[in-house]
Protein backbone atom coordinates (compact mmCIF):
# COMPACT_ATOMS: atom_id res chain seq x y z
CA UNK A 1 130.91 183.61 131.04
CA UNK A 2 132.52 182.44 134.21
CA UNK A 3 130.72 181.49 137.21
CA UNK A 4 131.69 181.52 141.12
CA UNK A 5 130.55 179.93 144.13
CA UNK A 6 131.14 179.62 147.79
CA UNK A 7 133.11 177.08 149.40
CA UNK A 8 132.85 176.61 153.08
CA UNK A 9 131.60 180.34 153.18
CA UNK A 10 135.32 181.68 152.31
CA UNK A 11 137.07 180.20 149.59
CA UNK A 12 135.54 180.69 146.20
CA UNK A 13 135.95 178.48 143.03
CA UNK A 14 135.69 179.62 139.60
CA UNK A 15 134.54 177.66 136.78
CA UNK A 16 136.17 178.10 133.36
CA UNK A 17 135.08 176.64 130.09
CA UNK A 18 138.18 175.85 127.67
CA UNK A 19 138.04 174.33 124.33
CA UNK A 20 140.27 172.66 121.87
CA UNK A 21 139.83 173.18 118.33
CA UNK A 22 141.71 172.36 115.00
CA UNK A 23 141.91 169.46 112.33
CA UNK A 24 141.57 165.93 113.10
CA UNK A 25 144.90 164.18 114.42
CA UNK A 26 146.66 167.53 115.56
CA UNK A 27 146.79 166.09 118.86
CA UNK A 28 143.85 167.79 120.91
CA UNK A 29 142.86 164.68 122.73
CA UNK A 30 146.67 164.12 123.66
CA UNK A 31 146.90 167.69 124.74
CA UNK A 32 143.67 167.43 126.82
CA UNK A 33 145.07 164.03 128.61
CA UNK A 34 148.55 165.34 129.13
CA UNK A 35 147.08 168.55 130.81
CA UNK A 36 144.31 166.87 132.83
CA UNK A 37 145.90 163.46 133.80
CA UNK A 38 149.69 164.04 133.00
CA UNK A 39 149.51 160.99 130.46
CA UNK A 40 150.23 160.09 126.91
CA UNK A 41 148.89 157.27 124.94
CA UNK A 42 150.66 156.97 121.23
CA UNK A 43 147.66 154.97 120.15
CA UNK A 44 144.70 157.65 121.00
CA UNK A 45 141.66 157.23 118.98
CA UNK A 46 140.21 160.32 117.38
CA UNK A 47 137.13 162.05 119.18
CA UNK A 48 133.70 161.44 118.06
CA UNK A 49 132.13 164.71 118.58
CA UNK A 50 132.85 166.19 122.01
CA UNK A 51 134.78 164.97 124.92
CA UNK A 52 135.86 166.63 128.10
CA UNK A 53 137.87 166.65 131.45
CA UNK A 54 138.06 168.25 134.52
CA UNK A 55 141.00 169.76 136.55
CA UNK A 56 141.30 172.06 139.38
CA UNK A 57 144.10 174.58 139.69
CA UNK A 58 145.06 177.40 142.06
CA UNK A 59 145.60 181.04 140.82
CA UNK A 60 146.83 183.15 143.71
CA UNK A 61 143.85 182.95 146.12
CA UNK A 62 141.39 181.59 143.79
CA UNK A 63 140.55 178.12 142.99
CA UNK A 64 139.82 177.41 139.35
CA UNK A 65 137.68 174.55 138.02
CA UNK A 66 138.88 173.74 134.51
CA UNK A 67 136.39 172.12 132.04
CA UNK A 68 138.11 171.24 129.10
CA UNK A 69 136.39 170.46 125.92
CA UNK A 70 138.14 168.24 123.14
CA UNK A 71 136.38 168.54 119.85
CA UNK A 72 136.54 166.30 116.73
CA UNK A 73 138.37 167.94 113.65
CA UNK A 74 136.06 166.44 111.13
CA UNK A 75 133.34 168.41 109.18
CA UNK A 76 130.54 166.19 110.20
CA UNK A 77 130.85 167.40 113.84
CA UNK A 78 131.40 171.22 113.05
CA UNK A 79 127.70 171.99 114.07
CA UNK A 80 128.18 170.35 117.48
CA UNK A 81 131.41 172.45 117.88
CA UNK A 82 129.82 175.69 116.92
CA UNK A 83 127.25 175.25 119.87
CA UNK A 84 129.84 174.33 122.26
CA UNK A 85 131.83 177.61 121.57
CA UNK A 86 128.85 179.52 123.10
CA UNK A 87 129.90 180.28 126.68
CA UNK A 88 133.52 179.44 126.37
CA UNK A 89 136.05 181.70 128.38
CA UNK A 90 139.23 180.25 126.15
CA UNK A 91 139.72 178.54 123.05
CA UNK A 92 143.04 176.69 122.04
CA UNK A 93 143.22 176.60 118.21
CA UNK A 94 145.74 173.61 117.57
CA UNK A 95 147.78 172.49 114.49
CA UNK A 96 150.46 169.95 114.04
CA UNK A 97 154.02 171.12 113.26
CA UNK A 98 154.79 167.96 111.31
CA UNK A 99 151.70 168.26 108.86
CA UNK A 100 151.43 171.35 106.62
CA UNK A 101 147.78 170.47 105.64
CA UNK A 102 146.98 171.26 109.20
CA UNK A 103 146.98 174.96 108.99
CA UNK A 104 145.18 174.98 105.45
CA UNK A 105 141.76 175.13 107.15
CA UNK A 106 142.78 177.58 110.10
CA UNK A 107 140.73 180.53 108.51
CA UNK A 108 137.77 178.30 108.63
CA UNK A 109 138.37 177.39 112.34
CA UNK A 110 138.95 181.18 113.18
CA UNK A 111 135.92 182.17 111.23
CA UNK A 112 133.72 179.65 113.27
CA UNK A 113 134.88 181.16 116.57
CA UNK A 114 134.19 184.52 115.41
CA UNK A 115 130.66 183.66 114.34
CA UNK A 116 129.76 181.52 117.46
CA UNK A 117 131.93 182.35 120.35
CA UNK A 118 131.58 185.18 122.77
CA UNK A 119 133.07 188.55 121.85
CA UNK A 120 135.54 188.51 124.69
CA UNK A 121 136.73 184.97 124.31
CA UNK A 122 140.31 184.58 124.88
CA UNK A 123 142.28 182.62 122.13
CA UNK A 124 145.69 180.87 121.96
CA UNK A 125 147.27 179.24 118.88
CA UNK A 126 149.18 176.16 119.65
CA UNK A 127 151.63 174.25 117.22
CA UNK A 128 151.62 171.07 118.61
CA UNK A 129 154.08 167.80 117.96
CA UNK A 130 157.30 169.91 118.39
CA UNK A 131 159.07 166.71 119.28
CA UNK A 132 158.54 165.02 115.67
CA UNK A 133 160.51 164.79 112.71
CA UNK A 134 160.67 165.86 109.89
CA UNK A 135 159.02 169.38 110.95
CA UNK A 136 157.04 170.95 108.14
CA UNK A 137 155.87 174.18 109.86
CA UNK A 138 158.47 176.66 110.73
CA UNK A 139 158.47 178.60 114.03
CA UNK A 140 158.40 181.83 111.49
CA UNK A 141 155.35 180.50 109.93
CA UNK A 142 153.76 180.07 113.26
CA UNK A 143 154.48 183.87 114.15
CA UNK A 144 153.38 184.89 111.12
CA UNK A 145 149.85 183.09 111.76
CA UNK A 146 149.75 184.58 115.25
CA UNK A 147 150.02 188.26 113.88
CA UNK A 148 147.52 187.54 111.05
CA UNK A 149 144.87 186.55 113.79
CA UNK A 150 146.34 188.79 116.54
CA UNK A 151 146.64 186.00 119.20
CA UNK A 152 149.55 184.52 121.20
CA UNK A 153 151.25 181.44 120.11
CA UNK A 154 153.21 178.50 121.85
CA UNK A 155 154.68 175.34 120.48
CA UNK A 156 153.97 172.08 122.40
CA UNK A 157 154.43 168.55 122.60
CA UNK A 158 151.77 166.51 124.24
CA UNK A 159 154.22 163.33 124.06
CA UNK A 160 156.92 164.93 126.07
CA UNK A 161 154.61 167.24 128.04
CA UNK A 162 156.77 170.30 126.80
CA UNK A 163 154.78 173.89 127.25
CA UNK A 164 151.49 172.08 127.92
CA UNK A 165 151.19 173.59 131.52
CA UNK A 166 152.71 176.96 130.18
CA UNK A 167 150.21 177.03 127.14
CA UNK A 168 147.11 176.82 129.93
CA UNK A 169 148.49 178.94 132.32
CA UNK A 170 149.01 181.68 129.84
CA UNK A 171 145.45 181.15 128.53
CA UNK A 172 144.05 181.20 132.03
CA UNK A 173 146.10 184.14 132.99
CA UNK A 174 144.82 186.15 129.97
CA UNK A 175 141.46 185.44 130.93
CA UNK A 176 141.53 186.46 134.44
CA UNK A 177 143.82 189.52 133.45
CA UNK A 178 140.80 190.65 131.05
CA UNK A 179 137.88 189.71 133.61
CA UNK A 180 139.71 191.86 136.15
CA UNK A 181 140.17 194.68 133.41
CA UNK A 182 136.49 194.45 132.73
CA UNK A 183 135.29 194.80 136.38
CA UNK A 184 137.55 197.63 137.01
CA UNK A 185 136.27 199.44 133.80
CA UNK A 186 132.66 198.66 135.12
CA UNK A 187 133.36 200.11 138.62
CA UNK A 188 134.85 203.21 137.27
CA UNK A 189 131.83 203.82 134.78
CA UNK A 190 129.48 203.28 137.70
CA UNK A 191 131.37 205.78 139.91
CA UNK A 192 131.44 208.47 137.28
CA UNK A 193 127.73 207.80 136.63
CA UNK A 194 127.15 208.44 140.36
CA UNK A 195 129.07 211.34 140.48
CA UNK A 196 127.23 213.15 137.42
CA UNK A 197 124.26 214.32 139.67
CA UNK A 198 126.54 216.02 142.24
CA UNK A 199 128.29 217.65 139.30
CA UNK A 200 125.06 218.94 137.85
CA UNK A 201 124.03 220.10 141.38
CA UNK A 202 127.34 221.98 141.95
CA UNK A 203 127.32 223.71 138.53
CA UNK A 204 123.45 224.82 139.27
CA UNK A 205 124.56 226.02 142.46
CA UNK A 206 127.32 228.00 140.90
CA UNK A 207 125.28 229.28 138.32
CA UNK A 208 122.67 230.34 140.71
CA UNK A 209 125.08 232.18 142.86
CA UNK A 210 126.58 233.88 139.86
CA UNK A 211 122.96 235.10 138.95
CA UNK A 212 122.16 236.21 142.33
CA UNK A 213 125.44 238.44 142.08
CA UNK A 214 124.38 239.90 138.85
CA UNK A 215 120.86 240.74 140.33
CA UNK A 216 122.66 243.01 143.17
CA UNK A 217 125.21 244.51 140.41
CA UNK A 218 122.30 245.65 138.44
């Protein structure tokens, strides 16, 4: 799903497509702006369809270009969102800690991801607006949802910046770990396939040598 290209013949840059998904007004746009521009606008307008921002980060020796897509939470845009799920490396599913209704359709968003995203897409559940009172969704409920969908969870605040960098660092780290695991797995499988002919030849040689001995004995 990710792509890499050469820079100056030495450095490599990897591109990752990430998405923010969830109900309207849970703070997806604010999370995007806080992460990519370190800014917060309390009068942020809702996204109509799809919006995106770019950001470059350094991960060990690899430069990573993040393309972060912010999606609308309204039903009329779901078809657009489903199409954009294809090819995504990571998806952040966002709910509002101060709004209990924001988790009512969480299963619908998860179904959309399962039906339209890549099989190996990395997911992260985020409870946003942990700075806001009164709080309507407890940490225990968040943990329960995390266990139900088998994905990691973090609480954030786009307003204060709490855990925003940490959330995306966790997601990116999990994506790269999964890619490394798949690469190592493929390398191992290829090596084993290459070794099979030699094993067959060695087995045949031993069989021939044994057959030769039997001929001499009899």
